[in-house]
C-alpha atoms as a PDB file:
ATOM      1  CA  MET A   1     -23.968  26.454 -27.561  1.00  0.00           C
ATOM      2  CA  SER A   2     -27.159  27.441 -25.719  1.00  0.00           C
ATOM      3  CA  VAL A   3     -27.539  30.411 -23.406  1.00  0.00           C
ATOM      4  CA  GLU A   4     -27.851  27.970 -20.511  1.00  0.00           C
ATOM      5  CA  SER A   5     -24.364  26.659 -21.273  1.00  0.00           C
ATOM      6  CA  VAL A   6     -22.828  30.061 -20.560  1.00  0.00           C
ATOM      7  CA  SER A   7     -22.781  29.603 -16.782  1.00  0.00           C
ATOM      8  CA  ALA A   8     -20.597  28.502 -13.916  1.00  0.00           C
ATOM      9  CA  GLU A   9     -21.822  24.961 -14.381  1.00  0.00           C
ATOM     10  CA  GLY A  10     -21.222  25.146 -18.120  1.00  0.00           C
ATOM     11  CA  PHE A  11     -17.631  26.254 -17.702  1.00  0.00           C
ATOM     12  CA  ALA A  12     -16.978  23.661 -15.018  1.00  0.00           C
ATOM     13  CA  ARG A  13     -18.414  20.892 -17.186  1.00  0.00           C
ATOM     14  CA  GLU A  14     -16.570  21.890 -20.364  1.00  0.00           C
ATOM     15  CA  SER A  15     -13.228  22.594 -18.715  1.00  0.00           C
ATOM     16  CA  LEU A  16     -13.292  19.428 -16.619  1.00  0.00           C
ATOM     17  CA  ALA A  17     -13.884  17.449 -19.815  1.00  0.00           C
ATOM     18  CA  VAL A  18     -10.728  18.963 -21.300  1.00  0.00           C
ATOM     19  CA  LEU A  19      -8.727  18.255 -18.138  1.00  0.00           C
ATOM     20  CA  GLU A  20      -9.938  14.653 -18.184  1.00  0.00           C
ATOM     21  CA  ASP A  21      -8.837  14.364 -21.805  1.00  0.00           C
ATOM     22  CA  ILE A  22      -5.391  15.703 -20.891  1.00  0.00           C
ATOM     23  CA  THR A  23      -4.949  13.125 -18.138  1.00  0.00           C
ATOM     24  CA  ARG A  24      -5.806  10.340 -20.600  1.00  0.00           C
ATOM     25  CA  SER A  25      -4.135  11.432 -23.812  1.00  0.00           C
ATOM     26  CA  ALA A  26      -1.108  13.536 -22.815  1.00  0.00           C
ATOM     27  CA  ARG A  27       0.788  10.887 -20.932  1.00  0.00           C
ATOM     28  CA  ASP A  28       3.463  10.288 -23.558  1.00  0.00           C
ATOM     29  CA  GLU A  29       4.134  13.983 -24.021  1.00  0.00           C
ATOM     30  CA  VAL A  30       4.202  14.579 -20.257  1.00  0.00           C
ATOM     31  CA  THR A  31       6.677  11.712 -19.817  1.00  0.00           C
ATOM     32  CA  ARG A  32       8.939  13.150 -22.507  1.00  0.00           C
ATOM     33  CA  ALA A  33       8.674  16.634 -21.011  1.00  0.00           C
ATOM     34  CA  ALA A  34       9.501  15.245 -17.587  1.00  0.00           C
ATOM     35  CA  GLU A  35      12.586  13.566 -19.020  1.00  0.00           C
ATOM     36  CA  LEU A  36      13.841  16.973 -20.176  1.00  0.00           C
ATOM     37  CA  ILE A  37      13.322  18.414 -16.703  1.00  0.00           C
ATOM     38  CA  ALA A  38      14.817  15.421 -14.860  1.00  0.00           C
ATOM     39  CA  ASP A  39      17.869  15.397 -17.134  1.00  0.00           C
ATOM     40  CA  CYS A  40      18.305  19.130 -16.545  1.00  0.00           C
ATOM     41  CA  VAL A  41      18.217  18.726 -12.774  1.00  0.00           C
ATOM     42  CA  ARG A  42      20.561  15.725 -12.832  1.00  0.00           C
ATOM     43  CA  GLY A  43      22.981  17.665 -15.033  1.00  0.00           C
ATOM     44  CA  ASP A  44      23.088  20.608 -12.619  1.00  0.00           C
ATOM     45  CA  GLY A  45      21.096  22.721 -15.018  1.00  0.00           C
ATOM     46  CA  VAL A  46      18.547  25.454 -14.357  1.00  0.00           C
ATOM     47  CA  ILE A  47      15.079  25.550 -15.887  1.00  0.00           C
ATOM     48  CA  GLN A  48      14.671  28.904 -17.628  1.00  0.00           C
ATOM     49  CA  ALA A  49      10.922  29.611 -17.985  1.00  0.00           C
ATOM     50  CA  PHE A  50       9.579  32.382 -20.184  1.00  0.00           C
ATOM     51  CA  GLY A  51       6.165  33.656 -21.207  1.00  0.00           C
ATOM     52  CA  THR A  52       4.377  36.930 -21.858  1.00  0.00           C
ATOM     53  CA  GLY A  53       0.913  38.217 -21.056  1.00  0.00           C
ATOM     54  CA  HIS A  54      -1.203  35.693 -19.172  1.00  0.00           C
ATOM     55  CA  SER A  55       1.342  32.963 -19.906  1.00  0.00           C
ATOM     56  CA  GLN A  56       3.357  34.504 -17.087  1.00  0.00           C
ATOM     57  CA  ALA A  57       0.908  32.794 -14.727  1.00  0.00           C
ATOM     58  CA  MET A  58       2.226  29.407 -15.867  1.00  0.00           C
ATOM     59  CA  VAL A  59       5.812  30.631 -15.540  1.00  0.00           C
ATOM     60  CA  LEU A  60       5.066  31.463 -11.898  1.00  0.00           C
ATOM     61  CA  GLU A  61       3.576  27.987 -11.477  1.00  0.00           C
ATOM     62  CA  LEU A  62       6.909  26.477 -12.508  1.00  0.00           C
ATOM     63  CA  ALA A  63       9.493  28.913 -11.122  1.00  0.00           C
ATOM     64  CA  GLY A  64      10.037  29.603  -7.449  1.00  0.00           C
ATOM     65  CA  ARG A  65       6.884  28.312  -5.762  1.00  0.00           C
ATOM     66  CA  ALA A  66       6.231  25.999  -2.810  1.00  0.00           C
ATOM     67  CA  GLY A  67       6.240  22.378  -3.962  1.00  0.00           C
ATOM     68  CA  GLY A  68       8.181  23.315  -7.092  1.00  0.00           C
ATOM     69  CA  LEU A  69      11.744  22.693  -8.180  1.00  0.00           C
ATOM     70  CA  VAL A  70      14.473  24.975  -6.828  1.00  0.00           C
ATOM     71  CA  PRO A  71      16.642  25.315  -9.972  1.00  0.00           C
ATOM     72  CA  THR A  72      14.193  27.518 -11.860  1.00  0.00           C
ATOM     73  CA  ASN A  73      14.238  31.066 -13.182  1.00  0.00           C
ATOM     74  CA  ARG A  74      11.367  33.260 -14.241  1.00  0.00           C
ATOM     75  CA  LEU A  75      12.296  35.186 -17.375  1.00  0.00           C
ATOM     76  CA  SER A  76      10.194  38.197 -18.331  1.00  0.00           C
ATOM     77  CA  ILE A  77      10.095  41.224 -20.623  1.00  0.00           C
ATOM     78  CA  ALA A  78      10.318  43.233 -17.382  1.00  0.00           C
ATOM     79  CA  ASP A  79      13.919  41.930 -17.093  1.00  0.00           C
ATOM     80  CA  LEU A  80      14.847  44.723 -19.485  1.00  0.00           C
ATOM     81  CA  VAL A  81      14.148  47.123 -16.602  1.00  0.00           C
ATOM     82  CA  LEU A  82      14.802  44.956 -13.541  1.00  0.00           C
ATOM     83  CA  TYR A  83      18.193  43.666 -14.683  1.00  0.00           C
ATOM     84  CA  GLY A  84      19.018  45.529 -17.885  1.00  0.00           C
ATOM     85  CA  GLY A  85      18.856  49.114 -16.650  1.00  0.00           C
ATOM     86  CA  GLU A  86      16.333  50.307 -19.230  1.00  0.00           C
ATOM     87  CA  ASP A  87      13.857  53.037 -18.382  1.00  0.00           C
ATOM     88  CA  PRO A  88      10.531  51.665 -17.073  1.00  0.00           C
ATOM     89  CA  SER A  89       8.734  53.537 -19.875  1.00  0.00           C
ATOM     90  CA  VAL A  90       9.936  50.850 -22.296  1.00  0.00           C
ATOM     91  CA  LEU A  91       7.284  48.583 -20.788  1.00  0.00           C
ATOM     92  CA  ASP A  92       4.536  51.007 -21.796  1.00  0.00           C
ATOM     93  CA  ASP A  93       4.767  49.774 -25.394  1.00  0.00           C
ATOM     94  CA  PRO A  94       1.733  47.487 -25.863  1.00  0.00           C
ATOM     95  CA  LEU A  95       3.452  45.809 -28.815  1.00  0.00           C
ATOM     96  CA  LEU A  96       6.804  45.232 -27.114  1.00  0.00           C
ATOM     97  CA  GLU A  97       6.465  41.453 -27.292  1.00  0.00           C
ATOM     98  CA  ARG A  98       6.239  41.761 -31.064  1.00  0.00           C
ATOM     99  CA  ARG A  99       9.424  43.840 -31.420  1.00  0.00           C
ATOM    100  CA  ALA A 100      12.503  42.235 -32.934  1.00  0.00           C
ATOM    101  CA  GLY A 101      15.609  41.984 -30.750  1.00  0.00           C
ATOM    102  CA  VAL A 102      13.899  41.896 -27.348  1.00  0.00           C
ATOM    103  CA  ALA A 103      14.448  38.151 -26.873  1.00  0.00           C
ATOM    104  CA  GLU A 104      18.217  38.458 -27.459  1.00  0.00           C
ATOM    105  CA  ARG A 105      18.463  40.996 -24.648  1.00  0.00           C
ATOM    106  CA  ILE A 106      16.423  38.842 -22.252  1.00  0.00           C
ATOM    107  CA  TYR A 107      18.596  35.825 -23.076  1.00  0.00           C
ATOM    108  CA  ARG A 108      21.834  37.673 -22.394  1.00  0.00           C
ATOM    109  CA  LEU A 109      20.518  39.060 -19.101  1.00  0.00           C
ATOM    110  CA  ALA A 110      19.645  35.509 -17.993  1.00  0.00           C
ATOM    111  CA  ASP A 111      23.189  34.333 -18.816  1.00  0.00           C
ATOM    112  CA  PRO A 112      22.189  30.661 -19.064  1.00  0.00           C
ATOM    113  CA  ARG A 113      24.599  27.728 -19.170  1.00  0.00           C
ATOM    114  CA  PRO A 114      24.495  25.080 -21.902  1.00  0.00           C
ATOM    115  CA  GLU A 115      22.939  22.513 -19.547  1.00  0.00           C
ATOM    116  CA  ASP A 116      19.977  24.775 -18.821  1.00  0.00           C
ATOM    117  CA  LEU A 117      16.539  23.843 -20.155  1.00  0.00           C
ATOM    118  CA  PHE A 118      14.263  26.457 -21.679  1.00  0.00           C
ATOM    119  CA  VAL A 119      10.522  26.225 -21.095  1.00  0.00           C
ATOM    120  CA  VAL A 120       8.668  28.710 -23.323  1.00  0.00           C
ATOM    121  CA  ILE A 121       4.931  29.151 -22.756  1.00  0.00           C
ATOM    122  CA  SER A 122       2.608  30.892 -25.231  1.00  0.00           C
ATOM    123  CA  ASN A 123      -0.977  30.099 -26.178  1.00  0.00           C
ATOM    124  CA  SER A 124      -0.577  31.325 -29.765  1.00  0.00           C
ATOM    125  CA  GLY A 125       3.144  30.567 -30.100  1.00  0.00           C
ATOM    126  CA  VAL A 126       3.607  33.153 -32.834  1.00  0.00           C
ATOM    127  CA  ASN A 127       4.722  36.503 -31.342  1.00  0.00           C
ATOM    128  CA  ASN A 128       8.243  37.666 -32.123  1.00  0.00           C
ATOM    129  CA  VAL A 129       9.673  37.565 -28.610  1.00  0.00           C
ATOM    130  CA  ILE A 130       8.378  34.018 -28.070  1.00  0.00           C
ATOM    131  CA  VAL A 131       9.717  32.638 -31.339  1.00  0.00           C
ATOM    132  CA  GLU A 132      13.015  34.535 -31.048  1.00  0.00           C
ATOM    133  CA  THR A 133      13.517  33.172 -27.520  1.00  0.00           C
ATOM    134  CA  ALA A 134      12.941  29.668 -28.820  1.00  0.00           C
ATOM    135  CA  LEU A 135      15.284  30.213 -31.794  1.00  0.00           C
ATOM    136  CA  ARG A 136      17.983  31.639 -29.531  1.00  0.00           C
ATOM    137  CA  ALA A 137      17.719  28.760 -27.117  1.00  0.00           C
ATOM    138  CA  LYS A 138      18.067  26.191 -29.890  1.00  0.00           C
ATOM    139  CA  GLU A 139      20.928  28.051 -31.552  1.00  0.00           C
ATOM    140  CA  GLN A 140      22.810  27.891 -28.245  1.00  0.00           C
ATOM    141  CA  GLY A 141      22.215  24.177 -27.831  1.00  0.00           C
ATOM    142  CA  HIS A 142      19.546  24.229 -25.127  1.00  0.00           C
ATOM    143  CA  ARG A 143      16.737  21.717 -24.983  1.00  0.00           C
ATOM    144  CA  LEU A 144      13.368  23.361 -25.413  1.00  0.00           C
ATOM    145  CA  LEU A 145      10.003  22.485 -23.919  1.00  0.00           C
ATOM    146  CA  ALA A 146       6.974  24.348 -25.307  1.00  0.00           C
ATOM    147  CA  ILE A 147       3.528  24.726 -23.768  1.00  0.00           C
ATOM    148  CA  THR A 148       1.099  26.053 -26.333  1.00  0.00           C
ATOM    149  CA  SER A 149      -2.300  25.586 -27.947  1.00  0.00           C
ATOM    150  CA  LEU A 150      -1.913  23.558 -31.121  1.00  0.00           C
ATOM    151  CA  ALA A 151      -5.468  24.477 -32.138  1.00  0.00           C
ATOM    152  CA  HIS A 152      -4.677  28.171 -31.939  1.00  0.00           C
ATOM    153  CA  THR A 153      -1.189  28.092 -33.436  1.00  0.00           C
ATOM    154  CA  ARG A 154      -2.337  26.018 -36.418  1.00  0.00           C
ATOM    155  CA  ALA A 155      -5.191  28.468 -37.095  1.00  0.00           C
ATOM    156  CA  VAL A 156      -3.095  31.662 -37.295  1.00  0.00           C
ATOM    157  CA  PRO A 157      -0.230  32.768 -39.486  1.00  0.00           C
ATOM    158  CA  ALA A 158       3.351  32.921 -38.229  1.00  0.00           C
ATOM    159  CA  GLY A 159       4.312  36.319 -36.851  1.00  0.00           C
ATOM    160  CA  HIS A 160       8.075  35.893 -37.095  1.00  0.00           C
ATOM    161  CA  SER A 161      10.065  36.530 -40.254  1.00  0.00           C
ATOM    162  CA  SER A 162      11.432  32.959 -40.168  1.00  0.00           C
ATOM    163  CA  GLY A 163       7.944  31.597 -40.687  1.00  0.00           C
ATOM    164  CA  LYS A 164       8.467  29.460 -37.592  1.00  0.00           C
ATOM    165  CA  LYS A 165       6.153  29.052 -34.619  1.00  0.00           C
ATOM    166  CA  LEU A 166       7.041  27.948 -31.097  1.00  0.00           C
ATOM    167  CA  ALA A 167       5.733  24.433 -31.669  1.00  0.00           C
ATOM    168  CA  ASP A 168       7.994  24.037 -34.739  1.00  0.00           C
ATOM    169  CA  LEU A 169      11.119  24.548 -32.659  1.00  0.00           C
ATOM    170  CA  ALA A 170      10.533  22.566 -29.470  1.00  0.00           C
ATOM    171  CA  ASP A 171      12.008  19.205 -28.530  1.00  0.00           C
ATOM    172  CA  VAL A 172       8.722  18.448 -26.768  1.00  0.00           C
ATOM    173  CA  VAL A 173       5.353  20.199 -27.101  1.00  0.00           C
ATOM    174  CA  LEU A 174       2.666  20.103 -24.414  1.00  0.00           C
ATOM    175  CA  ASP A 175      -0.666  21.004 -26.001  1.00  0.00           C
ATOM    176  CA  ASN A 176      -2.867  22.886 -23.535  1.00  0.00           C
ATOM    177  CA  ARG A 177      -5.979  22.003 -25.582  1.00  0.00           C
ATOM    178  CA  ALA A 178      -7.259  25.585 -25.513  1.00  0.00           C
ATOM    179  CA  PRO A 179      -9.368  26.582 -28.523  1.00  0.00           C
ATOM    180  CA  ARG A 180      -8.398  29.268 -31.009  1.00  0.00           C
ATOM    181  CA  GLY A 181      -8.694  32.534 -29.114  1.00  0.00           C
ATOM    182  CA  ASP A 182      -8.508  30.678 -25.746  1.00  0.00           C
ATOM    183  CA  ALA A 183     -12.090  31.373 -24.618  1.00  0.00           C
ATOM    184  CA  LEU A 184     -14.117  28.224 -24.089  1.00  0.00           C
ATOM    185  CA  LEU A 185     -17.808  29.147 -24.017  1.00  0.00           C
ATOM    186  CA  ASP A 186     -19.383  30.523 -27.203  1.00  0.00           C
ATOM    187  CA  LEU A 187     -21.711  33.458 -26.778  1.00  0.00           C
ATOM    188  CA  PRO A 188     -24.978  33.770 -28.727  1.00  0.00           C
ATOM    189  CA  GLY A 189     -24.382  36.041 -31.711  1.00  0.00           C
ATOM    190  CA  GLY A 190     -20.606  35.582 -31.721  1.00  0.00           C
ATOM    191  CA  GLY A 191     -17.632  35.854 -29.412  1.00  0.00           C
ATOM    192  CA  ALA A 192     -16.699  33.652 -26.478  1.00  0.00           C
ATOM    193  CA  VAL A 193     -15.986  33.907 -22.763  1.00  0.00           C
ATOM    194  CA  CYS A 194     -13.843  32.156 -20.119  1.00  0.00           C
ATOM    195  CA  ALA A 195     -10.210  31.450 -21.058  1.00  0.00           C
ATOM    196  CA  LEU A 196      -8.978  27.872 -20.642  1.00  0.00           C
ATOM    197  CA  SER A 197      -5.204  27.940 -21.178  1.00  0.00           C
ATOM    198  CA  THR A 198      -4.200  28.846 -17.613  1.00  0.00           C
ATOM    199  CA  LEU A 199      -6.234  26.014 -16.104  1.00  0.00           C
ATOM    200  CA  THR A 200      -4.926  23.388 -18.501  1.00  0.00           C
ATOM    201  CA  GLY A 201      -1.416  24.836 -18.509  1.00  0.00           C
ATOM    202  CA  VAL A 202      -1.189  24.491 -14.738  1.00  0.00           C
ATOM    203  CA  MET A 203      -2.376  20.878 -14.970  1.00  0.00           C
ATOM    204  CA  LEU A 204       0.269  20.046 -17.559  1.00  0.00           C
ATOM    205  CA  ILE A 205       3.032  21.745 -15.591  1.00  0.00           C
ATOM    206  CA  GLN A 206       2.181  20.002 -12.308  1.00  0.00           C
ATOM    207  CA  MET A 207       1.797  16.630 -14.018  1.00  0.00           C
ATOM    208  CA  THR A 208       5.209  17.139 -15.584  1.00  0.00           C
ATOM    209  CA  VAL A 209       6.853  18.181 -12.324  1.00  0.00           C
ATOM    210  CA  ALA A 210       5.335  15.174 -10.583  1.00  0.00           C
ATOM    211  CA  GLU A 211       6.580  12.812 -13.306  1.00  0.00           C
ATOM    212  CA  ALA A 212      10.043  14.417 -13.348  1.00  0.00           C
ATOM    213  CA  SER A 213      10.204  13.915  -9.563  1.00  0.00           C
ATOM    214  CA  ARG A 214       9.270  10.269 -10.011  1.00  0.00           C
ATOM    215  CA  GLN A 215      12.010   9.836 -12.581  1.00  0.00           C
ATOM    216  CA  LEU A 216      14.583  11.483 -10.331  1.00  0.00           C
ATOM    217  CA  LEU A 217      13.616   9.321  -7.367  1.00  0.00           C
ATOM    218  CA  ALA A 218      13.826   6.207  -9.570  1.00  0.00           C
ATOM    219  CA  THR A 219      17.523   6.901 -10.172  1.00  0.00           C
ATOM    220  CA  GLY A 220      18.287   7.781  -6.561  1.00  0.00           C
ATOM    221  CA  ASP A 221      18.221  11.537  -7.066  1.00  0.00           C
ATOM    222  CA  ARG A 222      16.195  13.530  -4.554  1.00  0.00           C
ATOM    223  CA  PRO A 223      14.286  16.348  -6.247  1.00  0.00           C
ATOM    224  CA  PRO A 224      15.390  19.762  -4.923  1.00  0.00           C
ATOM    225  CA  VAL A 225      11.950  21.076  -3.967  1.00  0.00           C
ATOM    226  CA  TYR A 226      10.826  24.241  -2.217  1.00  0.00           C
ATOM    227  CA  VAL A 227       8.921  24.054   1.072  1.00  0.00           C
ATOM    228  CA  SER A 228       6.489  26.820   1.852  1.00  0.00           C
ATOM    229  CA  ALA A 229       8.301  29.658   3.599  1.00  0.00           C
ATOM    230  CA  ASN A 230       5.233  29.963   5.767  1.00  0.00           C
ATOM    231  CA  VAL A 231       5.859  26.716   7.668  1.00  0.00           C
ATOM    232  CA  PRO A 232       8.449  26.429  10.457  1.00  0.00           C
ATOM    233  CA  GLY A 233      11.932  25.918   9.023  1.00  0.00           C
ATOM    234  CA  GLY A 234      10.755  26.330   5.433  1.00  0.00           C
ATOM    235  CA  PHE A 235      12.543  29.583   4.730  1.00  0.00           C
ATOM    236  CA  GLU A 236      15.839  28.381   6.207  1.00  0.00           C
ATOM    237  CA  GLY A 237      15.633  25.037   4.403  1.00  0.00           C
ATOM    238  CA  ASN A 238      15.002  26.751   1.105  1.00  0.00           C
ATOM    239  CA  LEU A 239      18.045  28.993   1.551  1.00  0.00           C
ATOM    240  CA  GLU A 240      20.152  25.879   2.052  1.00  0.00           C
ATOM    241  CA  LEU A 241      18.861  24.288  -1.167  1.00  0.00           C
ATOM    242  CA  GLU A 242      19.430  27.486  -3.112  1.00  0.00           C
ATOM    243  CA  LYS A 243      23.138  27.564  -2.207  1.00  0.00           C
ATOM    244  CA  ARG A 244      23.817  24.954  -4.872  1.00  0.00           C
ATOM    245  CA  TYR A 245      22.603  27.404  -7.515  1.00  0.00           C
ATOM    246  CA  ALA A 246      23.961  30.619  -6.084  1.00  0.00           C
ATOM    247  CA  GLY A 247      24.347  33.263  -8.789  1.00  0.00           C
ATOM    248  CA  ARG A 248      22.374  31.187 -11.296  1.00  0.00           C
ATOM    249  CA  ILE A 249      18.837  31.625 -10.023  1.00  0.00           C
ATOM    250  CA  ARG A 250      17.668  35.122  -9.325  1.00  0.00           C
ATOM    251  CA  ARG A 251      16.476  34.358  -5.810  1.00  0.00           C
ATOM    252  CA  THR A 252      20.094  33.950  -4.681  1.00  0.00           C
ATOM    253  CA  ALA A 253      23.091  36.259  -4.372  1.00  0.00           C
ATOM    254  CA  SER A 254      25.745  36.335  -7.056  1.00  0.00           C
END
């Protein structure tokens, strides 16, 4: 890649090409992912979304935002402190997501029901807490949707003792098309700049939510969707929708 390609225009051109490829080639996977979400909503389930690091941005895109589905939970390593009573200093460990046993604690704090769907998001798909969350979800009979980079996960060794990666465990995998290491633009002399996975992950999530909504409408089921709390009546309307899931999503009372 030339020096001239490392620019705003270069990133726009390269990233838009990947997004265009996703809209053309990911339709089957998006349809299957949407079926998981639509079935979960119809079955009175909650979508339990988990990611670490920058993958938390995609979790926020799915869980609890305007235009998104109401029955969603954001799961996080921070739950150990927020809901589990652990000292905040536990979060100072830069390798916490690689520690064994963390996922089990996060799962128990979420207290999911069998009908809940797990959505696990990780670019590499190999860290312990990601793989253990996926394993725990499958052991308990949950359906599992993964959003990951197949290019990255295929290029690195498994980090979990089982030898499994996130993509190996999922019922459906959405490939975010990010390159190994995530950064899109190669720098002269080595290295790369400008991560891609958030941009493509958001596209895949919103395509999937749109398709799940279409599937729900096709069977006469109105998608339970948040309205912005910053429009008249939005906050009150959202509270009414949340009553159905009281005690099951963390934005409601027990």
